[in-house]
Amino acid sequence: MLINLIVNDQPKVFLCKPGDFLLDTLRENNYLSVRRGCDTTNCGVCTVLFDGKPVPSCSLLTVKAEGHHITTVEGIQEEADKMGKLFGAEGADQCGFCNPSIALTVYALKKELINPTGLDVKEYLVGNLCRCTGYIAQERAIKSYLGDKS
C-alpha cells in the first residue's frame, strides 16, 4: 500500500505493508538517524517527532502516520548541530547512539515549554535512555541549549 507522509517538511510516498512500523519504513528509505534499540518503546532511541511531539517509531504503524508530519534529526539539522557541539563540549557524546533521539526530544521540549525547569527537562526526557553517560553532562548541555545560564 502507498502511504503519504510529510517527512522533514517534504511530501513523501512510501510503499509499505499493513504491519510495517514507521521505524522500518523510515530506515528502508534512508532516514538512518532513526535507530533501532529495544523494539519495546523503552529506550527512546527510535524517537521521531510526530506532528511535533516525540513518539517511539518502533511501535507506530506506518499506516497510522498517513498524512502526518514526521521529523527526523535531519529535519532539524541546524539545531541538532548546536546541540551536538554542546554535548561534545560537556563530554556527553560518548557513543552518540542516542543523540539523534535526544536532540529531537529536546527540540520538541524547547518548542512546547517556555523556560522549562530542570524537573521539566527530566520528565520530558524520561523515555530517552543513554547507556554510556550518567546524564549529568547531558543535563548541562541541554541547559546550555535551552539558554539556562545558571
N, C-alpha and C. Protein backbone atom coordinates (compact mmCIF):
# COMPACT_ATOMS: atom_id res chain seq x y z
N MET A 1 0.84 -1.18 0.00
CA MET A 1 0.00 0.00 0.00
C MET A 1 0.88 1.24 0.00
N LEU A 2 0.38 2.31 -0.55
CA LEU A 2 1.11 3.57 -0.59
C LEU A 2 0.65 4.46 0.57
N ILE A 3 1.61 5.00 1.27
CA ILE A 3 1.34 5.86 2.42
C ILE A 3 1.96 7.23 2.16
N ASN A 4 1.17 8.28 2.35
CA ASN A 4 1.63 9.65 2.16
C ASN A 4 2.02 10.24 3.51
N LEU A 5 3.26 10.69 3.61
CA LEU A 5 3.76 11.34 4.82
C LEU A 5 4.43 12.64 4.43
N ILE A 6 4.59 13.49 5.40
CA ILE A 6 5.40 14.69 5.21
C ILE A 6 6.59 14.50 6.13
N VAL A 7 7.74 14.19 5.53
CA VAL A 7 8.95 13.91 6.29
C VAL A 7 9.90 15.08 6.14
N ASN A 8 10.25 15.67 7.28
CA ASN A 8 11.14 16.83 7.28
C ASN A 8 10.66 17.92 6.32
N ASP A 9 9.36 18.15 6.36
CA ASP A 9 8.67 19.17 5.56
C ASP A 9 8.62 18.88 4.06
N GLN A 10 8.91 17.64 3.67
CA GLN A 10 8.84 17.24 2.27
C GLN A 10 7.77 16.16 2.09
N PRO A 11 6.83 16.34 1.16
CA PRO A 11 5.84 15.28 0.92
C PRO A 11 6.54 14.03 0.38
N LYS A 12 6.20 12.89 0.96
CA LYS A 12 6.80 11.62 0.55
C LYS A 12 5.71 10.57 0.41
N VAL A 13 5.93 9.63 -0.47
CA VAL A 13 5.05 8.49 -0.64
C VAL A 13 5.90 7.24 -0.44
N PHE A 14 5.46 6.38 0.48
CA PHE A 14 6.19 5.16 0.78
C PHE A 14 5.32 3.96 0.50
N LEU A 15 5.96 2.93 -0.02
CA LEU A 15 5.31 1.64 -0.22
C LEU A 15 5.56 0.81 1.04
N CYS A 16 4.50 0.33 1.66
CA CYS A 16 4.68 -0.48 2.87
C CYS A 16 3.55 -1.50 2.99
N LYS A 17 3.79 -2.44 3.89
CA LYS A 17 2.78 -3.45 4.20
C LYS A 17 1.96 -2.97 5.40
N PRO A 18 0.76 -3.48 5.60
CA PRO A 18 -0.10 -3.02 6.70
C PRO A 18 0.54 -3.12 8.09
N GLY A 19 1.42 -4.09 8.32
CA GLY A 19 2.02 -4.27 9.64
C GLY A 19 3.37 -3.62 9.81
N ASP A 20 3.82 -2.82 8.84
CA ASP A 20 5.13 -2.18 8.94
C ASP A 20 5.11 -1.07 9.98
N PHE A 21 6.19 -1.00 10.74
CA PHE A 21 6.34 0.08 11.71
C PHE A 21 7.08 1.24 11.06
N LEU A 22 6.79 2.44 11.54
CA LEU A 22 7.39 3.64 10.97
C LEU A 22 8.92 3.58 11.02
N LEU A 23 9.47 3.05 12.09
CA LEU A 23 10.92 2.90 12.19
C LEU A 23 11.48 2.19 10.96
N ASP A 24 10.89 1.06 10.61
CA ASP A 24 11.38 0.27 9.48
C ASP A 24 11.17 1.00 8.16
N THR A 25 10.02 1.63 8.00
CA THR A 25 9.74 2.37 6.77
C THR A 25 10.75 3.49 6.58
N LEU A 26 11.03 4.23 7.63
CA LEU A 26 12.00 5.32 7.52
C LEU A 26 13.39 4.79 7.22
N ARG A 27 13.83 3.79 7.93
CA ARG A 27 15.17 3.23 7.71
C ARG A 27 15.31 2.65 6.29
N GLU A 28 14.26 1.99 5.82
CA GLU A 28 14.30 1.42 4.46
C GLU A 28 14.39 2.51 3.40
N ASN A 29 14.03 3.73 3.78
CA ASN A 29 14.08 4.86 2.85
C ASN A 29 15.19 5.85 3.21
N ASN A 30 16.22 5.33 3.85
CA ASN A 30 17.48 6.05 4.11
C ASN A 30 17.40 7.17 5.14
N TYR A 31 16.44 7.11 6.03
CA TYR A 31 16.43 8.01 7.19
C TYR A 31 17.13 7.25 8.32
N LEU A 32 18.45 7.20 8.23
CA LEU A 32 19.24 6.33 9.07
C LEU A 32 19.53 6.89 10.46
N SER A 33 19.16 8.12 10.72
CA SER A 33 19.32 8.66 12.07
C SER A 33 18.29 8.06 13.02
N VAL A 34 17.22 7.51 12.46
CA VAL A 34 16.20 6.84 13.27
C VAL A 34 16.73 5.44 13.52
N ARG A 35 17.03 5.16 14.77
CA ARG A 35 17.75 3.94 15.10
C ARG A 35 16.88 2.92 15.81
N ARG A 36 17.29 1.69 15.66
CA ARG A 36 16.60 0.58 16.33
C ARG A 36 17.31 0.32 17.66
N GLY A 37 16.51 0.26 18.72
CA GLY A 37 17.06 -0.04 20.03
C GLY A 37 16.41 -1.28 20.61
N CYS A 38 15.36 -1.06 21.38
CA CYS A 38 14.75 -2.16 22.14
C CYS A 38 13.54 -2.79 21.46
N ASP A 39 12.91 -2.09 20.53
CA ASP A 39 11.67 -2.54 19.89
C ASP A 39 10.50 -2.70 20.85
N THR A 40 10.59 -2.08 22.03
CA THR A 40 9.50 -2.18 23.02
C THR A 40 9.09 -0.81 23.56
N THR A 41 9.53 0.24 22.97
CA THR A 41 9.27 1.65 23.36
C THR A 41 9.92 2.03 24.68
N ASN A 42 10.88 1.27 25.16
CA ASN A 42 11.50 1.56 26.45
C ASN A 42 12.73 2.44 26.38
N CYS A 43 13.44 2.44 25.25
CA CYS A 43 14.72 3.16 25.23
C CYS A 43 14.65 4.52 24.56
N GLY A 44 13.72 4.72 23.66
CA GLY A 44 13.56 6.02 23.01
C GLY A 44 14.50 6.30 21.87
N VAL A 45 15.41 5.38 21.55
CA VAL A 45 16.39 5.65 20.51
C VAL A 45 15.76 5.79 19.12
N CYS A 46 14.55 5.28 18.95
CA CYS A 46 13.84 5.36 17.67
C CYS A 46 12.93 6.59 17.59
N THR A 47 13.05 7.50 18.53
CA THR A 47 12.15 8.66 18.59
C THR A 47 12.19 9.50 17.32
N VAL A 48 11.00 9.87 16.87
CA VAL A 48 10.81 10.86 15.82
C VAL A 48 9.79 11.86 16.35
N LEU A 49 9.65 12.97 15.67
CA LEU A 49 8.57 13.89 16.03
C LEU A 49 7.39 13.62 15.11
N PHE A 50 6.26 13.38 15.71
CA PHE A 50 5.00 13.10 15.02
C PHE A 50 4.12 14.32 15.25
N ASP A 51 3.96 15.13 14.22
CA ASP A 51 3.25 16.40 14.36
C ASP A 51 3.84 17.22 15.51
N GLY A 52 5.17 17.17 15.63
CA GLY A 52 5.88 17.98 16.61
C GLY A 52 6.06 17.35 17.97
N LYS A 53 5.48 16.19 18.21
CA LYS A 53 5.57 15.53 19.51
C LYS A 53 6.46 14.29 19.41
N PRO A 54 7.33 14.08 20.39
CA PRO A 54 8.19 12.89 20.35
C PRO A 54 7.38 11.61 20.53
N VAL A 55 7.62 10.65 19.64
CA VAL A 55 6.98 9.34 19.73
C VAL A 55 8.00 8.26 19.35
N PRO A 56 7.87 7.08 19.94
CA PRO A 56 8.75 5.98 19.53
C PRO A 56 8.25 5.38 18.22
N SER A 57 9.08 5.43 17.20
CA SER A 57 8.66 4.95 15.88
C SER A 57 8.64 3.43 15.78
N CYS A 58 9.20 2.74 16.78
CA CYS A 58 9.21 1.26 16.74
C CYS A 58 7.84 0.67 17.04
N SER A 59 6.93 1.47 17.54
CA SER A 59 5.59 0.95 17.87
C SER A 59 4.48 1.65 17.11
N LEU A 60 4.83 2.55 16.22
CA LEU A 60 3.83 3.29 15.44
C LEU A 60 3.73 2.67 14.04
N LEU A 61 2.57 2.12 13.74
CA LEU A 61 2.37 1.56 12.41
C LEU A 61 2.44 2.69 11.37
N THR A 62 3.13 2.43 10.30
CA THR A 62 3.28 3.44 9.25
C THR A 62 1.92 3.90 8.75
N VAL A 63 0.97 3.00 8.63
CA VAL A 63 -0.35 3.38 8.13
C VAL A 63 -1.03 4.40 9.05
N LYS A 64 -0.70 4.39 10.33
CA LYS A 64 -1.28 5.36 11.28
C LYS A 64 -0.69 6.75 11.08
N ALA A 65 0.43 6.83 10.38
CA ALA A 65 1.08 8.12 10.16
C ALA A 65 0.61 8.79 8.86
N GLU A 66 -0.28 8.16 8.14
CA GLU A 66 -0.78 8.71 6.88
C GLU A 66 -1.16 10.17 7.03
N GLY A 67 -0.55 11.02 6.19
CA GLY A 67 -0.88 12.44 6.17
C GLY A 67 -0.25 13.28 7.27
N HIS A 68 0.49 12.67 8.17
CA HIS A 68 1.07 13.39 9.30
C HIS A 68 2.49 13.88 8.99
N HIS A 69 2.92 14.84 9.79
CA HIS A 69 4.27 15.39 9.70
C HIS A 69 5.20 14.57 10.59
N ILE A 70 6.26 14.04 9.99
CA ILE A 70 7.27 13.29 10.69
C ILE A 70 8.58 14.06 10.58
N THR A 71 9.25 14.25 11.71
CA THR A 71 10.54 14.93 11.69
C THR A 71 11.59 14.00 12.26
N THR A 72 12.67 13.84 11.48
CA THR A 72 13.84 13.13 11.96
C THR A 72 14.91 14.18 12.25
N VAL A 73 16.03 13.76 12.80
CA VAL A 73 17.05 14.73 13.15
C VAL A 73 17.57 15.47 11.91
N GLU A 74 17.49 14.84 10.74
CA GLU A 74 17.89 15.55 9.51
C GLU A 74 17.02 16.77 9.25
N GLY A 75 15.81 16.76 9.77
CA GLY A 75 14.89 17.87 9.58
C GLY A 75 15.13 19.05 10.52
N ILE A 76 15.99 18.85 11.51
CA ILE A 76 16.34 19.94 12.43
C ILE A 76 17.86 20.07 12.50
N GLN A 77 18.51 19.92 11.37
CA GLN A 77 19.97 19.79 11.33
C GLN A 77 20.70 20.95 12.01
N GLU A 78 20.26 22.17 11.79
CA GLU A 78 20.93 23.32 12.41
C GLU A 78 20.85 23.24 13.93
N GLU A 79 19.68 22.93 14.45
CA GLU A 79 19.51 22.81 15.90
C GLU A 79 20.27 21.60 16.44
N ALA A 80 20.26 20.50 15.69
CA ALA A 80 20.99 19.30 16.11
C ALA A 80 22.49 19.57 16.15
N ASP A 81 22.98 20.35 15.21
CA ASP A 81 24.40 20.71 15.22
C ASP A 81 24.75 21.53 16.46
N LYS A 82 23.88 22.48 16.82
CA LYS A 82 24.10 23.26 18.04
C LYS A 82 24.16 22.34 19.26
N MET A 83 23.19 21.43 19.36
CA MET A 83 23.17 20.52 20.50
C MET A 83 24.39 19.61 20.48
N GLY A 84 24.78 19.15 19.32
CA GLY A 84 25.94 18.27 19.21
C GLY A 84 27.20 18.93 19.72
N LYS A 85 27.38 20.18 19.40
CA LYS A 85 28.56 20.92 19.88
C LYS A 85 28.52 21.06 21.40
N LEU A 86 27.35 21.33 21.93
CA LEU A 86 27.21 21.45 23.39
C LEU A 86 27.43 20.10 24.07
N PHE A 87 26.92 19.04 23.48
CA PHE A 87 27.14 17.71 24.04
C PHE A 87 28.64 17.39 24.02
N GLY A 88 29.31 17.71 22.94
CA GLY A 88 30.75 17.47 22.85
C GLY A 88 31.52 18.27 23.88
N ALA A 89 31.17 19.53 24.04
CA ALA A 89 31.86 20.40 25.00
C ALA A 89 31.70 19.91 26.43
N GLU A 90 30.58 19.25 26.71
CA GLU A 90 30.32 18.75 28.06
C GLU A 90 30.75 17.29 28.24
N GLY A 91 31.25 16.66 27.19
CA GLY A 91 31.64 15.26 27.28
C GLY A 91 30.46 14.31 27.33
N ALA A 92 29.36 14.71 26.71
CA ALA A 92 28.13 13.92 26.75
C ALA A 92 27.88 13.19 25.44
N ASP A 93 28.90 13.01 24.64
CA ASP A 93 28.71 12.45 23.30
C ASP A 93 29.41 11.11 23.13
N GLN A 94 29.50 10.34 24.17
CA GLN A 94 30.37 9.16 24.17
C GLN A 94 30.19 8.28 22.94
N CYS A 95 29.12 7.54 22.81
CA CYS A 95 28.97 6.71 21.61
C CYS A 95 28.09 7.41 20.57
N GLY A 96 27.22 8.29 21.00
CA GLY A 96 26.37 9.05 20.09
C GLY A 96 25.14 8.33 19.60
N PHE A 97 24.93 7.09 20.02
CA PHE A 97 23.80 6.31 19.52
C PHE A 97 22.46 6.95 19.86
N CYS A 98 22.34 7.51 21.06
CA CYS A 98 21.07 8.09 21.50
C CYS A 98 20.92 9.56 21.12
N ASN A 99 22.00 10.18 20.65
CA ASN A 99 21.96 11.63 20.41
C ASN A 99 20.86 12.11 19.47
N PRO A 100 20.60 11.43 18.33
CA PRO A 100 19.52 11.93 17.47
C PRO A 100 18.16 11.98 18.18
N SER A 101 17.83 10.94 18.94
CA SER A 101 16.54 10.92 19.61
C SER A 101 16.48 11.96 20.72
N ILE A 102 17.57 12.13 21.43
CA ILE A 102 17.59 13.15 22.48
C ILE A 102 17.50 14.54 21.87
N ALA A 103 18.20 14.76 20.76
CA ALA A 103 18.13 16.07 20.09
C ALA A 103 16.70 16.38 19.67
N LEU A 104 16.01 15.41 19.11
CA LEU A 104 14.61 15.63 18.70
C LEU A 104 13.72 15.93 19.90
N THR A 105 13.92 15.20 20.98
CA THR A 105 13.09 15.39 22.16
C THR A 105 13.35 16.75 22.79
N VAL A 106 14.61 17.15 22.88
CA VAL A 106 14.93 18.47 23.45
C VAL A 106 14.41 19.58 22.55
N TYR A 107 14.50 19.41 21.26
CA TYR A 107 13.96 20.38 20.31
C TYR A 107 12.45 20.55 20.53
N ALA A 108 11.74 19.43 20.67
CA ALA A 108 10.29 19.48 20.92
C ALA A 108 9.99 20.16 22.25
N LEU A 109 10.79 19.86 23.25
CA LEU A 109 10.63 20.50 24.56
C LEU A 109 10.77 22.01 24.45
N LYS A 110 11.79 22.44 23.73
CA LYS A 110 12.03 23.88 23.56
C LYS A 110 10.86 24.56 22.85
N LYS A 111 10.27 23.87 21.90
CA LYS A 111 9.13 24.43 21.18
C LYS A 111 7.86 24.48 22.04
N GLU A 112 7.73 23.52 22.95
CA GLU A 112 6.49 23.39 23.72
C GLU A 112 6.49 24.19 25.02
N LEU A 113 7.60 24.19 25.74
CA LEU A 113 7.63 24.82 27.06
C LEU A 113 8.49 26.07 27.06
N ILE A 114 7.98 27.11 27.68
CA ILE A 114 8.74 28.35 27.85
C ILE A 114 9.44 28.27 29.20
N ASN A 115 10.74 28.50 29.21
CA ASN A 115 11.54 28.45 30.44
C ASN A 115 11.32 27.17 31.25
N PRO A 116 11.59 26.01 30.64
CA PRO A 116 11.39 24.77 31.38
C PRO A 116 12.36 24.66 32.56
N THR A 117 11.87 24.08 33.63
CA THR A 117 12.70 23.85 34.81
C THR A 117 13.53 22.57 34.59
N GLY A 118 14.49 22.33 35.48
CA GLY A 118 15.26 21.10 35.42
C GLY A 118 14.37 19.88 35.52
N LEU A 119 13.34 19.97 36.36
CA LEU A 119 12.39 18.87 36.50
C LEU A 119 11.59 18.66 35.21
N ASP A 120 11.20 19.76 34.55
CA ASP A 120 10.50 19.65 33.26
C ASP A 120 11.36 18.88 32.26
N VAL A 121 12.64 19.22 32.21
CA VAL A 121 13.56 18.57 31.28
C VAL A 121 13.65 17.08 31.59
N LYS A 122 13.83 16.74 32.86
CA LYS A 122 13.94 15.33 33.24
C LYS A 122 12.67 14.56 32.90
N GLU A 123 11.52 15.16 33.15
CA GLU A 123 10.26 14.50 32.85
C GLU A 123 10.06 14.33 31.35
N TYR A 124 10.44 15.34 30.58
CA TYR A 124 10.27 15.29 29.13
C TYR A 124 11.17 14.23 28.51
N LEU A 125 12.34 14.04 29.10
CA LEU A 125 13.33 13.11 28.56
C LEU A 125 13.26 11.71 29.16
N VAL A 126 12.27 11.44 29.98
CA VAL A 126 12.22 10.16 30.69
C VAL A 126 12.23 8.96 29.76
N GLY A 127 11.75 9.09 28.56
CA GLY A 127 11.71 7.97 27.62
C GLY A 127 12.96 7.80 26.79
N ASN A 128 13.99 8.62 27.02
CA ASN A 128 15.22 8.54 26.25
C ASN A 128 16.35 8.03 27.13
N LEU A 129 16.76 6.80 26.91
CA LEU A 129 17.83 6.22 27.70
C LEU A 129 19.18 6.42 27.01
N CYS A 130 20.19 6.55 27.82
CA CYS A 130 21.57 6.61 27.35
C CYS A 130 22.34 5.56 28.13
N ARG A 131 23.00 4.71 27.42
CA ARG A 131 23.72 3.62 28.07
C ARG A 131 25.15 3.98 28.44
N CYS A 132 25.64 5.14 28.01
CA CYS A 132 27.05 5.49 28.19
C CYS A 132 27.31 6.50 29.30
N THR A 133 26.40 7.43 29.49
CA THR A 133 26.68 8.54 30.40
C THR A 133 25.86 8.42 31.68
N GLY A 134 26.18 9.28 32.61
CA GLY A 134 25.40 9.36 33.84
C GLY A 134 24.40 10.48 33.78
N TYR A 135 24.18 11.03 32.61
CA TYR A 135 23.20 12.09 32.33
C TYR A 135 23.60 13.47 32.83
N ILE A 136 24.56 13.59 33.71
CA ILE A 136 24.93 14.91 34.25
C ILE A 136 25.48 15.80 33.14
N ALA A 137 26.39 15.27 32.33
CA ALA A 137 26.94 16.07 31.22
C ALA A 137 25.84 16.42 30.22
N GLN A 138 24.94 15.49 29.97
CA GLN A 138 23.83 15.77 29.07
C GLN A 138 22.95 16.88 29.64
N GLU A 139 22.67 16.82 30.93
CA GLU A 139 21.85 17.86 31.55
C GLU A 139 22.50 19.23 31.38
N ARG A 140 23.80 19.31 31.59
CA ARG A 140 24.49 20.60 31.43
C ARG A 140 24.37 21.09 29.98
N ALA A 141 24.58 20.20 29.03
CA ALA A 141 24.49 20.58 27.62
C ALA A 141 23.07 21.03 27.26
N ILE A 142 22.09 20.31 27.75
CA ILE A 142 20.69 20.66 27.46
C ILE A 142 20.35 22.01 28.08
N LYS A 143 20.78 22.23 29.32
CA LYS A 143 20.54 23.54 29.95
C LYS A 143 21.16 24.66 29.13
N SER A 144 22.37 24.44 28.63
CA SER A 144 23.01 25.45 27.79
C SER A 144 22.21 25.68 26.52
N TYR A 145 21.76 24.62 25.90
CA TYR A 145 20.98 24.75 24.67
C TYR A 145 19.69 25.52 24.93
N LEU A 146 19.06 25.25 26.05
CA LEU A 146 17.79 25.91 26.37
C LEU A 146 17.98 27.34 26.87
N GLY A 147 19.25 27.75 27.02
CA GLY A 147 19.52 29.13 27.41
C GLY A 147 19.64 29.36 28.87
N ASP A 148 19.75 28.32 29.67
CA ASP A 148 19.90 28.46 31.13
C ASP A 148 21.36 28.82 31.43
N LYS A 149 21.58 29.96 31.96
CA LYS A 149 22.94 30.44 32.25
C LYS A 149 23.40 30.08 33.65
N SER A 150 22.58 29.39 34.42
CA SER A 150 22.96 29.10 35.81
C SER A 150 24.01 28.00 35.90
